[in-house]
């Protein structure tokens, strides 16, 4: 089934000391165009996301947003500066001996001294981060595609209804077409009779003129091609593959055949139906601009 190019998907998890949020949204575009917003420290995720999302999105202007928050304290390690601590301890014990003081030094005393402990920020493993983000992005992508599919069903129903109307109208044009030639024959006969009066009328000449006219206004080829295009259209909108560009081409072909019928018609009834057909085809054209 066809999919819309408009979609949105979001997922949010907290795991392994990190909160990760991924949002994916898209609007119409002729090709696959990707932009992303990621924290500066995680810029390497941009290209990875671009390739990953392309596996599930063929067309559209896609924007991905990634937010990563490390829970307090989980992105840091505390290191003991043993040399500094030993230096303090030696100095304090030396002072105690020299000043004849009791050696009551404890760990709590050492902890309060400057530079004994150092806070070191952990270096993130890019592959670990990417795998975590990818898992979140997969869920967001699934929801994004589901929204596109839901919109696609609505578009399918609308387009199918319009194709039914077009096909029905083509049938009416085919029914009306023979009367165009007959009407011309009657007008031609009446005009010649009015001109010649009671003189003999060359029936063969009239038949020849009518045959020439009938050939000029014949629309059999156009209606056959129209029905073929409609059949192809129905097949494509049932496809699970991206078909937006193919449908765009078929709409142009539908317009071409209808315009040709309009130029050949020479009949007010058919002309009115051609106007209706063009209006329906234009509505279909507007719809398929949003099909992947």
Protein backbone atom coordinates (compact mmCIF):
# COMPACT_ATOMS: atom_id res chain seq x y z
CA UNK A 1 0.00 0.00 0.00
CA UNK A 2 1.19 3.53 -0.74
CA UNK A 3 2.70 5.65 2.03
CA UNK A 4 2.52 9.36 2.70
CA UNK A 5 5.74 11.38 2.78
CA UNK A 6 4.52 13.18 5.89
CA UNK A 7 5.29 11.41 9.14
CA UNK A 8 6.44 11.65 12.74
CA UNK A 9 7.92 9.16 15.20
CA UNK A 10 9.40 9.51 18.69
CA UNK A 11 10.96 7.23 21.30
CA UNK A 12 12.45 7.92 24.73
CA UNK A 13 14.37 5.55 27.02
CA UNK A 14 16.55 5.69 30.12
CA UNK A 15 19.16 2.92 30.29
CA UNK A 16 22.81 2.40 31.22
CA UNK A 17 22.94 5.75 32.97
CA UNK A 18 21.75 7.66 29.89
CA UNK A 19 18.48 9.23 28.79
CA UNK A 20 18.10 9.11 25.01
CA UNK A 21 15.35 10.76 22.95
CA UNK A 22 15.01 10.36 19.17
CA UNK A 23 12.44 12.19 17.04
CA UNK A 24 11.94 11.74 13.29
CA UNK A 25 9.72 13.95 11.14
CA UNK A 26 9.37 14.49 7.39
CA UNK A 27 7.55 16.53 4.76
CA UNK A 28 7.28 16.32 0.98
CA UNK A 29 10.40 16.31 -1.14
CA UNK A 30 11.29 14.91 -4.52
CA UNK A 31 14.25 12.96 -3.14
CA UNK A 32 15.59 11.76 0.22
CA UNK A 33 16.99 14.81 1.99
CA UNK A 34 18.33 14.39 5.52
CA UNK A 35 19.17 16.88 8.26
CA UNK A 36 19.81 16.18 11.92
CA UNK A 37 20.21 17.89 15.27
CA UNK A 38 22.53 16.10 17.68
CA UNK A 39 24.53 17.29 20.71
CA UNK A 40 27.91 18.72 19.71
CA UNK A 41 29.81 15.96 21.49
CA UNK A 42 27.92 13.33 19.47
CA UNK A 43 28.30 14.78 15.98
CA UNK A 44 29.55 11.43 14.69
CA UNK A 45 25.96 10.17 14.94
CA UNK A 46 24.77 12.32 11.99
CA UNK A 47 26.10 10.19 9.15
CA UNK A 48 25.22 6.95 10.93
CA UNK A 49 21.62 8.11 11.36
CA UNK A 50 21.39 9.27 7.77
CA UNK A 51 22.29 5.83 6.43
CA UNK A 52 20.21 3.99 9.01
CA UNK A 53 17.00 5.92 8.33
CA UNK A 54 17.44 5.70 4.56
CA UNK A 55 16.87 1.96 4.87
CA UNK A 56 13.25 2.69 5.80
CA UNK A 57 12.61 5.99 4.02
CA UNK A 58 12.93 6.45 0.25
CA UNK A 59 11.62 9.99 -0.27
CA UNK A 60 10.94 13.06 1.80
CA UNK A 61 12.68 15.88 3.60
CA UNK A 62 13.63 14.09 6.81
CA UNK A 63 14.77 15.71 10.05
CA UNK A 64 16.08 13.64 12.94
CA UNK A 65 16.60 15.04 16.41
CA UNK A 66 18.70 13.24 19.05
CA UNK A 67 19.02 14.26 22.70
CA UNK A 68 21.37 12.46 25.11
CA UNK A 69 21.52 13.19 28.84
CA UNK A 70 23.96 11.43 31.16
CA UNK A 71 22.54 10.84 34.63
CA UNK A 72 24.44 12.71 37.34
CA UNK A 73 27.67 11.03 38.28
CA UNK A 74 27.48 8.20 35.79
CA UNK A 75 29.79 9.90 33.31
CA UNK A 76 32.63 10.46 35.79
CA UNK A 77 35.24 8.42 37.69
CA UNK A 78 37.00 9.39 40.95
CA UNK A 79 40.74 8.75 41.03
CA UNK A 80 42.97 8.81 44.12
CA UNK A 81 46.21 10.75 43.72
CA UNK A 82 48.30 8.34 45.80
CA UNK A 83 51.50 10.35 45.55
CA UNK A 84 49.76 13.51 46.78
CA UNK A 85 48.04 11.60 49.63
CA UNK A 86 51.35 9.99 50.67
CA UNK A 87 53.08 13.35 50.56
CA UNK A 88 50.45 14.85 52.88
CA UNK A 89 50.70 11.84 55.20
CA UNK A 90 54.51 11.99 55.42
CA UNK A 91 54.42 15.74 56.01
CA UNK A 92 51.80 15.45 58.77
CA UNK A 93 53.61 12.62 60.54
CA UNK A 94 56.91 14.47 60.27
CA UNK A 95 55.27 17.54 61.83
CA UNK A 96 53.79 15.40 64.61
CA UNK A 97 57.21 13.94 65.49
CA UNK A 98 58.92 17.29 65.30
CA UNK A 99 56.30 19.00 67.46
CA UNK A 100 55.91 16.03 69.76
CA UNK A 101 52.20 15.61 68.93
CA UNK A 102 50.01 12.53 68.92
CA UNK A 103 49.66 10.82 65.56
CA UNK A 104 45.87 10.82 65.27
CA UNK A 105 45.71 11.14 61.47
CA UNK A 106 42.73 9.27 59.91
CA UNK A 107 41.41 8.74 56.38
CA UNK A 108 38.79 11.42 56.90
CA UNK A 109 41.59 13.92 57.51
CA UNK A 110 43.33 12.97 54.28
CA UNK A 111 40.07 13.17 52.24
CA UNK A 112 39.63 16.83 53.18
CA UNK A 113 43.01 17.88 51.82
CA UNK A 114 43.21 19.50 48.33
CA UNK A 115 44.03 17.48 45.21
CA UNK A 116 43.89 14.11 46.96
CA UNK A 117 41.01 13.04 44.66
CA UNK A 118 40.52 13.92 41.01
CA UNK A 119 37.22 13.72 39.08
CA UNK A 120 37.86 12.28 35.61
CA UNK A 121 35.13 12.43 32.96
CA UNK A 122 34.66 9.08 31.23
CA UNK A 123 35.42 8.84 27.52
CA UNK A 124 32.34 7.56 25.70
CA UNK A 125 32.73 4.54 23.47
CA UNK A 126 31.28 5.75 20.15
CA UNK A 127 30.16 2.28 19.10
CA UNK A 128 28.34 1.72 22.39
CA UNK A 129 26.60 5.08 22.13
CA UNK A 130 25.61 4.46 18.52
CA UNK A 131 24.14 1.04 19.31
CA UNK A 132 22.04 2.55 22.10
CA UNK A 133 20.86 5.42 19.88
CA UNK A 134 20.16 3.01 17.00
CA UNK A 135 17.86 0.92 19.20
CA UNK A 136 15.89 4.02 20.14
CA UNK A 137 15.89 5.26 16.54
CA UNK A 138 14.49 1.92 15.34
CA UNK A 139 11.41 2.28 17.53
CA UNK A 140 10.97 5.91 16.45
CA UNK A 141 11.35 4.83 12.80
CA UNK A 142 8.73 2.10 13.21
CA UNK A 143 6.25 4.63 14.58
CA UNK A 144 7.18 7.09 11.85
CA UNK A 145 6.53 4.50 9.11
CA UNK A 146 3.27 3.44 10.76
CA UNK A 147 2.02 7.04 10.62
CA UNK A 148 3.00 7.24 6.93
CA UNK A 149 1.13 4.02 6.24
CA UNK A 150 -1.99 5.26 8.04
CA UNK A 151 -1.98 8.43 5.95
CA UNK A 152 -1.34 6.28 2.87
CA UNK A 153 -4.56 4.32 3.44
CA UNK A 154 -6.58 7.55 3.43
CA UNK A 155 -4.86 8.69 0.24
CA UNK A 156 -5.46 5.28 -1.37
CA UNK A 157 -9.19 5.50 -0.66
CA UNK A 158 -9.41 9.03 -2.06
CA UNK A 159 -7.46 8.24 -5.23
CA UNK A 160 -9.37 4.98 -5.82
CA UNK A 161 -12.66 6.86 -5.66
CA UNK A 162 -11.45 9.42 -8.17
CA UNK A 163 -10.18 6.70 -10.53
CA UNK A 164 -13.62 5.07 -10.37
CA UNK A 165 -15.21 8.38 -11.39
CA UNK A 166 -12.71 8.88 -14.23
CA UNK A 167 -13.30 5.36 -15.53
CA UNK A 168 -17.06 5.82 -15.38
CA UNK A 169 -16.82 9.14 -17.22
CA UNK A 170 -14.61 7.60 -19.93
CA UNK A 171 -17.39 5.06 -20.48
CA UNK A 172 -19.92 7.86 -20.92
CA UNK A 173 -17.62 9.58 -23.44
CA UNK A 174 -17.33 6.32 -25.37
CA UNK A 175 -21.13 6.04 -25.44
CA UNK A 176 -21.50 9.65 -26.59
CA UNK A 177 -18.80 9.52 -29.26
CA UNK A 178 -20.79 7.75 -32.06
CA UNK A 179 -23.53 10.35 -31.87
CA UNK A 180 -20.98 13.06 -32.72
CA UNK A 181 -20.43 11.59 -36.19
CA UNK A 182 -24.14 10.97 -36.73
CA UNK A 183 -24.95 14.54 -35.70
CA UNK A 184 -22.35 15.83 -38.15
CA UNK A 185 -23.82 13.70 -40.95
CA UNK A 186 -27.29 15.12 -40.30
CA UNK A 187 -26.04 18.71 -40.22
CA UNK A 188 -24.01 18.21 -43.39
CA UNK A 189 -26.96 16.64 -45.22
CA UNK A 190 -29.30 19.44 -44.13
CA UNK A 191 -26.84 22.14 -45.22
CA UNK A 192 -26.26 20.57 -48.65
CA UNK A 193 -29.99 20.10 -49.15
CA UNK A 194 -30.59 23.72 -48.20
CA UNK A 195 -27.96 24.80 -50.72
CA UNK A 196 -28.98 22.56 -53.61
CA UNK A 197 -32.72 22.63 -53.09
CA UNK A 198 -34.44 19.88 -55.06
CA UNK A 199 -31.35 18.89 -56.98
CA UNK A 200 -29.94 15.41 -56.54
CA UNK A 201 -27.62 15.06 -53.56
CA UNK A 202 -24.42 13.08 -54.01
CA UNK A 203 -24.82 10.55 -51.22
CA UNK A 204 -21.36 9.13 -51.85
CA UNK A 205 -19.81 12.56 -51.36
CA UNK A 206 -21.63 12.93 -48.07
CA UNK A 207 -20.44 9.51 -46.92
CA UNK A 208 -16.88 10.44 -47.84
CA UNK A 209 -17.04 13.72 -45.90
CA UNK A 210 -18.58 11.97 -42.92
CA UNK A 211 -15.85 9.31 -42.99
CA UNK A 212 -13.15 11.98 -43.01
CA UNK A 213 -14.85 13.76 -40.12
CA UNK A 214 -15.28 10.52 -38.17
CA UNK A 215 -11.58 9.80 -38.50
CA UNK A 216 -10.71 13.25 -37.17
CA UNK A 217 -12.94 12.98 -34.11
CA UNK A 218 -12.26 9.31 -33.34
CA UNK A 219 -11.16 8.91 -29.71
CA UNK A 220 -10.97 5.11 -29.50
CA UNK A 221 -7.19 5.07 -29.13
CA UNK A 222 -7.26 7.73 -26.42
CA UNK A 223 -9.95 5.98 -24.35
CA UNK A 224 -8.12 2.64 -24.64
CA UNK A 225 -4.91 4.24 -23.38
CA UNK A 226 -6.82 6.00 -20.62
CA UNK A 227 -8.20 2.71 -19.37
CA UNK A 228 -4.71 1.21 -19.53
CA UNK A 229 -3.26 4.09 -17.49
CA UNK A 230 -6.07 3.76 -14.93
CA UNK A 231 -5.34 0.04 -14.59
CA UNK A 232 -1.63 0.73 -14.06
CA UNK A 233 -2.50 3.41 -11.53
CA UNK A 234 -4.59 0.98 -9.51
CA UNK A 235 -1.77 -1.54 -9.48
CA UNK A 236 0.81 0.99 -8.35
CA UNK A 237 -1.20 2.39 -5.43
CA UNK A 238 -1.50 -1.15 -4.08
CA UNK A 239 2.27 -1.61 -4.17
CA UNK A 240 4.45 -1.63 -1.05
CA UNK A 241 7.31 -0.10 -3.04
CA UNK A 242 7.90 3.67 -3.40
CA UNK A 243 5.81 4.66 -6.46
CA UNK A 244 5.43 8.45 -6.21
CA UNK A 245 7.52 9.24 -9.30
CA UNK A 246 5.81 6.58 -11.42
CA UNK A 247 2.41 7.93 -10.43
CA UNK A 248 3.52 11.43 -11.34
CA UNK A 249 4.38 10.21 -14.83
CA UNK A 250 1.03 8.42 -15.19
CA UNK A 251 -0.86 11.56 -14.18
CA UNK A 252 0.87 13.41 -17.01
CA UNK A 253 -0.22 10.64 -19.41
CA UNK A 254 -3.80 10.80 -18.15
CA UNK A 255 -3.81 14.53 -18.78
CA UNK A 256 -2.34 14.08 -22.24
CA UNK A 257 -5.07 11.66 -23.35
CA UNK A 258 -7.89 13.74 -21.86
CA UNK A 259 -6.57 16.89 -23.54
CA UNK A 260 -6.48 15.06 -26.88
CA UNK A 261 -10.07 13.92 -26.43
CA UNK A 262 -11.06 17.49 -25.64
CA UNK A 263 -9.39 18.81 -28.79
CA UNK A 264 -11.07 16.16 -30.95
CA UNK A 265 -14.49 16.12 -29.32
CA UNK A 266 -16.40 18.73 -31.33
CA UNK A 267 -19.27 18.02 -28.95
CA UNK A 268 -20.50 20.10 -26.03
CA UNK A 269 -21.46 17.10 -23.88
CA UNK A 270 -18.03 15.50 -24.26
CA UNK A 271 -16.32 18.84 -23.67
CA UNK A 272 -18.12 19.20 -20.34
CA UNK A 273 -17.07 15.69 -19.33
CA UNK A 274 -13.48 16.46 -20.32
CA UNK A 275 -13.52 19.48 -18.00
CA UNK A 276 -14.72 17.23 -15.15
CA UNK A 277 -11.99 14.68 -15.93
CA UNK A 278 -9.27 17.31 -15.84
CA UNK A 279 -10.52 18.54 -12.47
CA UNK A 280 -10.37 15.02 -11.02
CA UNK A 281 -6.92 14.36 -12.48
CA UNK A 282 -5.66 17.60 -10.94
CA UNK A 283 -6.94 16.48 -7.52
CA UNK A 284 -5.12 13.17 -7.96
CA UNK A 285 -1.97 15.05 -8.99
CA UNK A 286 -2.14 17.09 -5.78
CA UNK A 287 -2.52 13.91 -3.73
CA UNK A 288 0.42 12.07 -5.25
CA UNK A 289 2.77 14.95 -4.46
CA UNK A 290 2.67 13.53 -0.94
CA UNK A 291 3.20 9.87 -1.88
CA UNK A 292 6.57 8.27 -1.15
